[in-house]
PDB file of N, CA and C in Angstrom:
ATOM      1  N   MET A   1     115.107  25.557 139.945  1.00  0.00           N
ATOM      2  CA  MET A   1     115.990  25.404 138.836  1.00  0.00           C
ATOM      3  C   MET A   1     115.416  24.449 137.805  1.00  0.00           C
ATOM      4  N   ARG A   2     115.601  24.757 136.584  1.00  0.00           N
ATOM      5  CA  ARG A   2     115.185  23.900 135.426  1.00  0.00           C
ATOM      6  C   ARG A   2     116.452  23.454 134.707  1.00  0.00           C
ATOM      7  N   VAL A   3     116.435  22.241 134.311  1.00  0.00           N
ATOM      8  CA  VAL A   3     117.566  21.596 133.554  1.00  0.00           C
ATOM      9  C   VAL A   3     117.059  21.273 132.186  1.00  0.00           C
ATOM     10  N   ARG A   4     117.828  21.622 131.156  1.00  0.00           N
ATOM     11  CA  ARG A   4     117.541  21.345 129.822  1.00  0.00           C
ATOM     12  C   ARG A   4     118.810  20.837 129.187  1.00  0.00           C
ATOM     13  N   VAL A   5     118.669  19.714 128.489  1.00  0.00           N
ATOM     14  CA  VAL A   5     119.824  19.136 127.725  1.00  0.00           C
ATOM     15  C   VAL A   5     119.474  19.172 126.252  1.00  0.00           C
ATOM     16  N   ASP A   6     120.376  19.778 125.491  1.00  0.00           N
ATOM     17  CA  ASP A   6     120.250  19.884 124.064  1.00  0.00           C
ATOM     18  C   ASP A   6     120.754  18.504 123.513  1.00  0.00           C
ATOM     19  N   MET A   7     119.753  17.614 123.184  1.00  0.00           N
ATOM     20  CA  MET A   7     120.061  16.316 122.779  1.00  0.00           C
ATOM     21  C   MET A   7     120.710  16.247 121.366  1.00  0.00           C
ATOM     22  N   THR A   8     120.606  17.387 120.614  1.00  0.00           N
ATOM     23  CA  THR A   8     121.310  17.411 119.322  1.00  0.00           C
ATOM     24  C   THR A   8     122.834  17.610 119.502  1.00  0.00           C
ATOM     25  N   LEU A   9     123.237  18.170 120.667  1.00  0.00           N
ATOM     26  CA  LEU A   9     124.588  18.307 120.989  1.00  0.00           C
ATOM     27  C   LEU A   9     125.184  17.185 121.832  1.00  0.00           C
ATOM     28  N   CYS A  10     124.377  16.640 122.662  1.00  0.00           N
ATOM     29  CA  CYS A  10     124.780  15.573 123.608  1.00  0.00           C
ATOM     30  C   CYS A  10     125.396  14.356 122.902  1.00  0.00           C
ATOM     31  N   GLN A  11     126.585  14.030 123.315  1.00  0.00           N
ATOM     32  CA  GLN A  11     127.313  12.865 122.742  1.00  0.00           C
ATOM     33  C   GLN A  11     127.475  11.692 123.726  1.00  0.00           C
ATOM     34  N   ILE A  12     126.710  11.765 124.786  1.00  0.00           N
ATOM     35  CA  ILE A  12     126.664  10.729 125.824  1.00  0.00           C
ATOM     36  C   ILE A  12     128.044  10.426 126.415  1.00  0.00           C
ATOM     37  N   HIS A  13     128.769  11.456 126.737  1.00  0.00           N
ATOM     38  CA  HIS A  13     130.100  11.320 127.414  1.00  0.00           C
ATOM     39  C   HIS A  13     129.822  10.885 128.863  1.00  0.00           C
ATOM     40  N   ALA A  14     128.642  11.190 129.392  1.00  0.00           N
ATOM     41  CA  ALA A  14     128.179  10.781 130.687  1.00  0.00           C
ATOM     42  C   ALA A  14     128.871  11.469 131.881  1.00  0.00           C
ATOM     43  N   GLN A  15     129.598  12.545 131.574  1.00  0.00           N
ATOM     44  CA  GLN A  15     130.258  13.253 132.738  1.00  0.00           C
ATOM     45  C   GLN A  15     129.205  13.807 133.643  1.00  0.00           C
ATOM     46  N   CYS A  16     128.058  14.139 133.130  1.00  0.00           N
ATOM     47  CA  CYS A  16     126.951  14.684 134.002  1.00  0.00           C
ATOM     48  C   CYS A  16     126.458  13.561 134.974  1.00  0.00           C
ATOM     49  N   VAL A  17     126.494  12.374 134.504  1.00  0.00           N
ATOM     50  CA  VAL A  17     126.012  11.256 135.339  1.00  0.00           C
ATOM     51  C   VAL A  17     126.970  11.059 136.545  1.00  0.00           C
ATOM     52  N   PHE A  18     128.258  11.272 136.321  1.00  0.00           N
ATOM     53  CA  PHE A  18     129.250  11.150 137.394  1.00  0.00           C
ATOM     54  C   PHE A  18     129.116  12.343 138.390  1.00  0.00           C
ATOM     55  N   ALA A  19     128.817  13.535 137.836  1.00  0.00           N
ATOM     56  CA  ALA A  19     128.786  14.796 138.611  1.00  0.00           C
ATOM     57  C   ALA A  19     127.500  14.849 139.452  1.00  0.00           C
ATOM     58  N   ALA A  20     126.383  14.386 138.854  1.00  0.00           N
ATOM     59  CA  ALA A  20     125.108  14.579 139.460  1.00  0.00           C
ATOM     60  C   ALA A  20     124.175  13.345 139.212  1.00  0.00           C
ATOM     61  N   PRO A  21     124.518  12.218 139.799  1.00  0.00           N
ATOM     62  CA  PRO A  21     123.724  10.980 139.521  1.00  0.00           C
ATOM     63  C   PRO A  21     122.299  10.997 140.058  1.00  0.00           C
ATOM     64  N   GLU A  22     122.014  11.953 140.884  1.00  0.00           N
ATOM     65  CA  GLU A  22     120.629  12.089 141.356  1.00  0.00           C
ATOM     66  C   GLU A  22     119.751  12.745 140.268  1.00  0.00           C
ATOM     67  N   VAL A  23     120.360  13.393 139.279  1.00  0.00           N
ATOM     68  CA  VAL A  23     119.674  14.129 138.221  1.00  0.00           C
ATOM     69  C   VAL A  23     119.804  13.408 136.885  1.00  0.00           C
ATOM     70  N   PHE A  24     120.989  12.925 136.536  1.00  0.00           N
ATOM     71  CA  PHE A  24     121.281  12.400 135.263  1.00  0.00           C
ATOM     72  C   PHE A  24     121.579  10.885 135.332  1.00  0.00           C
ATOM     73  N   ALA A  25     121.104  10.153 134.336  1.00  0.00           N
ATOM     74  CA  ALA A  25     121.359   8.726 134.327  1.00  0.00           C
ATOM     75  C   ALA A  25     121.308   8.270 132.847  1.00  0.00           C
ATOM     76  N   LEU A  26     121.866   7.075 132.649  1.00  0.00           N
ATOM     77  CA  LEU A  26     121.831   6.382 131.312  1.00  0.00           C
ATOM     78  C   LEU A  26     120.869   5.251 131.494  1.00  0.00           C
ATOM     79  N   ASN A  27     120.014   5.083 130.506  1.00  0.00           N
ATOM     80  CA  ASN A  27     119.031   4.001 130.551  1.00  0.00           C
ATOM     81  C   ASN A  27     119.727   2.747 129.972  1.00  0.00           C
ATOM     82  N   ASP A  28     118.968   1.652 129.814  1.00  0.00           N
ATOM     83  CA  ASP A  28     119.568   0.367 129.334  1.00  0.00           C
ATOM     84  C   ASP A  28     120.058   0.489 127.924  1.00  0.00           C
ATOM     85  N   ASP A  29     119.553   1.454 127.187  1.00  0.00           N
ATOM     86  CA  ASP A  29     120.031   1.656 125.778  1.00  0.00           C
ATOM     87  C   ASP A  29     121.111   2.738 125.706  1.00  0.00           C
ATOM     88  N   ASP A  30     121.700   3.074 126.851  1.00  0.00           N
ATOM     89  CA  ASP A  30     122.748   4.093 126.937  1.00  0.00           C
ATOM     90  C   ASP A  30     122.260   5.517 126.453  1.00  0.00           C
ATOM     91  N   GLU A  31     121.003   5.788 126.642  1.00  0.00           N
ATOM     92  CA  GLU A  31     120.451   7.091 126.304  1.00  0.00           C
ATOM     93  C   GLU A  31     120.374   7.893 127.565  1.00  0.00           C
ATOM     94  N   LEU A  32     120.647   9.202 127.461  1.00  0.00           N
ATOM     95  CA  LEU A  32     120.622  10.067 128.653  1.00  0.00           C
ATOM     96  C   LEU A  32     119.182  10.358 129.052  1.00  0.00           C
ATOM     97  N   MET A  33     118.943  10.193 130.349  1.00  0.00           N
ATOM     98  CA  MET A  33     117.682  10.629 130.986  1.00  0.00           C
ATOM     99  C   MET A  33     118.025  11.602 132.057  1.00  0.00           C
ATOM    100  N   TYR A  34     117.107  12.533 132.348  1.00  0.00           N
ATOM    101  CA  TYR A  34     117.408  13.525 133.356  1.00  0.00           C
ATOM    102  C   TYR A  34     116.133  14.028 133.944  1.00  0.00           C
ATOM    103  N   ASP A  35     116.270  14.585 135.167  1.00  0.00           N
ATOM    104  CA  ASP A  35     115.131  15.236 135.865  1.00  0.00           C
ATOM    105  C   ASP A  35     115.181  16.718 135.445  1.00  0.00           C
ATOM    106  N   ALA A  36     114.201  17.149 134.759  1.00  0.00           N
ATOM    107  CA  ALA A  36     114.168  18.579 134.246  1.00  0.00           C
ATOM    108  C   ALA A  36     113.839  19.609 135.365  1.00  0.00           C
ATOM    109  N   ALA A  37     113.311  19.092 136.506  1.00  0.00           N
ATOM    110  CA  ALA A  37     112.984  20.008 137.590  1.00  0.00           C
ATOM    111  C   ALA A  37     113.481  19.420 138.885  1.00  0.00           C
ATOM    112  N   PRO A  38     114.760  19.315 139.097  1.00  0.00           N
ATOM    113  CA  PRO A  38     115.289  18.703 140.309  1.00  0.00           C
ATOM    114  C   PRO A  38     115.171  19.627 141.503  1.00  0.00           C
ATOM    115  N   ASP A  39     115.385  19.062 142.657  1.00  0.00           N
ATOM    116  CA  ASP A  39     115.342  19.854 143.908  1.00  0.00           C
ATOM    117  C   ASP A  39     116.473  20.834 143.885  1.00  0.00           C
ATOM    118  N   ASP A  40     116.164  22.057 144.342  1.00  0.00           N
ATOM    119  CA  ASP A  40     117.164  23.103 144.368  1.00  0.00           C
ATOM    120  C   ASP A  40     118.383  22.780 145.218  1.00  0.00           C
ATOM    121  N   ALA A  41     118.243  21.887 146.157  1.00  0.00           N
ATOM    122  CA  ALA A  41     119.387  21.496 147.004  1.00  0.00           C
ATOM    123  C   ALA A  41     120.492  20.811 146.190  1.00  0.00           C
ATOM    124  N   LEU A  42     120.132  20.299 145.060  1.00  0.00           N
ATOM    125  CA  LEU A  42     121.100  19.621 144.153  1.00  0.00           C
ATOM    126  C   LEU A  42     121.814  20.606 143.249  1.00  0.00           C
ATOM    127  N   ALA A  43     121.552  21.900 143.373  1.00  0.00           N
ATOM    128  CA  ALA A  43     122.164  22.934 142.444  1.00  0.00           C
ATOM    129  C   ALA A  43     123.691  22.795 142.350  1.00  0.00           C
ATOM    130  N   PRO A  44     124.442  22.648 143.426  1.00  0.00           N
ATOM    131  CA  PRO A  44     125.917  22.578 143.234  1.00  0.00           C
ATOM    132  C   PRO A  44     126.385  21.463 142.329  1.00  0.00           C
ATOM    133  N   SER A  45     125.765  20.225 142.519  1.00  0.00           N
ATOM    134  CA  SER A  45     126.234  19.119 141.636  1.00  0.00           C
ATOM    135  C   SER A  45     125.714  19.291 140.235  1.00  0.00           C
ATOM    136  N   ILE A  46     124.541  19.905 140.110  1.00  0.00           N
ATOM    137  CA  ILE A  46     123.999  20.111 138.696  1.00  0.00           C
ATOM    138  C   ILE A  46     124.913  21.144 137.971  1.00  0.00           C
ATOM    139  N   GLU A  47     125.291  22.196 138.659  1.00  0.00           N
ATOM    140  CA  GLU A  47     126.180  23.198 138.054  1.00  0.00           C
ATOM    141  C   GLU A  47     127.507  22.565 137.640  1.00  0.00           C
ATOM    142  N   GLU A  48     127.998  21.608 138.557  1.00  0.00           N
ATOM    143  CA  GLU A  48     129.237  20.913 138.178  1.00  0.00           C
ATOM    144  C   GLU A  48     129.039  20.046 136.963  1.00  0.00           C
ATOM    145  N   ALA A  49     127.862  19.416 136.853  1.00  0.00           N
ATOM    146  CA  ALA A  49     127.546  18.615 135.693  1.00  0.00           C
ATOM    147  C   ALA A  49     127.598  19.417 134.419  1.00  0.00           C
ATOM    148  N   ALA A  50     126.980  20.630 134.492  1.00  0.00           N
ATOM    149  CA  ALA A  50     126.967  21.496 133.342  1.00  0.00           C
ATOM    150  C   ALA A  50     128.359  21.946 132.919  1.00  0.00           C
ATOM    151  N   ARG A  51     129.248  22.226 133.899  1.00  0.00           N
ATOM    152  CA  ARG A  51     130.530  22.621 133.606  1.00  0.00           C
ATOM    153  C   ARG A  51     131.410  21.412 132.997  1.00  0.00           C
ATOM    154  N   ALA A  52     131.076  20.229 133.503  1.00  0.00           N
ATOM    155  CA  ALA A  52     131.787  19.019 133.075  1.00  0.00           C
ATOM    156  C   ALA A  52     131.460  18.536 131.677  1.00  0.00           C
ATOM    157  N   CYS A  53     130.303  18.977 131.162  1.00  0.00           N
ATOM    158  CA  CYS A  53     129.865  18.562 129.834  1.00  0.00           C
ATOM    159  C   CYS A  53     130.804  19.067 128.793  1.00  0.00           C
ATOM    160  N   PRO A  54     131.525  18.156 128.044  1.00  0.00           N
ATOM    161  CA  PRO A  54     132.523  18.561 127.107  1.00  0.00           C
ATOM    162  C   PRO A  54     131.914  19.239 125.887  1.00  0.00           C
ATOM    163  N   VAL A  55     130.594  19.075 125.607  1.00  0.00           N
ATOM    164  CA  VAL A  55     129.987  19.780 124.461  1.00  0.00           C
ATOM    165  C   VAL A  55     129.017  20.896 124.846  1.00  0.00           C
ATOM    166  N   GLN A  56     129.004  21.170 126.169  1.00  0.00           N
ATOM    167  CA  GLN A  56     128.161  22.238 126.718  1.00  0.00           C
ATOM    168  C   GLN A  56     126.682  22.075 126.305  1.00  0.00           C
ATOM    169  N   ALA A  57     126.196  20.860 126.453  1.00  0.00           N
ATOM    170  CA  ALA A  57     124.823  20.519 126.080  1.00  0.00           C
ATOM    171  C   ALA A  57     123.789  20.812 127.228  1.00  0.00           C
ATOM    172  N   ILE A  58     124.311  21.047 128.416  1.00  0.00           N
ATOM    173  CA  ILE A  58     123.402  21.226 129.571  1.00  0.00           C
ATOM    174  C   ILE A  58     123.161  22.695 129.798  1.00  0.00           C
ATOM    175  N   HIS A  59     121.993  23.054 129.915  1.00  0.00           N
ATOM    176  CA  HIS A  59     121.549  24.459 130.160  1.00  0.00           C
ATOM    177  C   HIS A  59     120.727  24.569 131.387  1.00  0.00           C
ATOM    178  N   LEU A  60     120.997  25.496 132.277  1.00  0.00           N
ATOM    179  CA  LEU A  60     120.291  25.655 133.529  1.00  0.00           C
ATOM    180  C   LEU A  60     119.499  27.014 133.479  1.00  0.00           C
ATOM    181  N   ASP A  61     118.273  26.947 133.886  1.00  0.00           N
ATOM    182  CA  ASP A  61     117.368  28.125 133.948  1.00  0.00           C
ATOM    183  C   ASP A  61     116.868  28.254 135.369  1.00  0.00           C
ATOM    184  N   ASP A  62     116.705  29.480 135.828  1.00  0.00           N
ATOM    185  CA  ASP A  62     116.093  29.757 137.180  1.00  0.00           C
ATOM    186  C   ASP A  62     114.579  29.564 137.145  1.00  0.00           C
TER     187      ASP A  62
END
């Protein structure tokens, strides 16, 4: 699975951080950081993070 976040849409609501903290995080400047190629075992929480994003900035590719 590949994760892509459209940073032009992302408004740092951080719902993804709560849903999948193994993949998404905020740095010290409150900027979103994420693992673009996470372990497939994390797919359920990553999919939840994508659904939770209020601006639908998270895109998942196989």
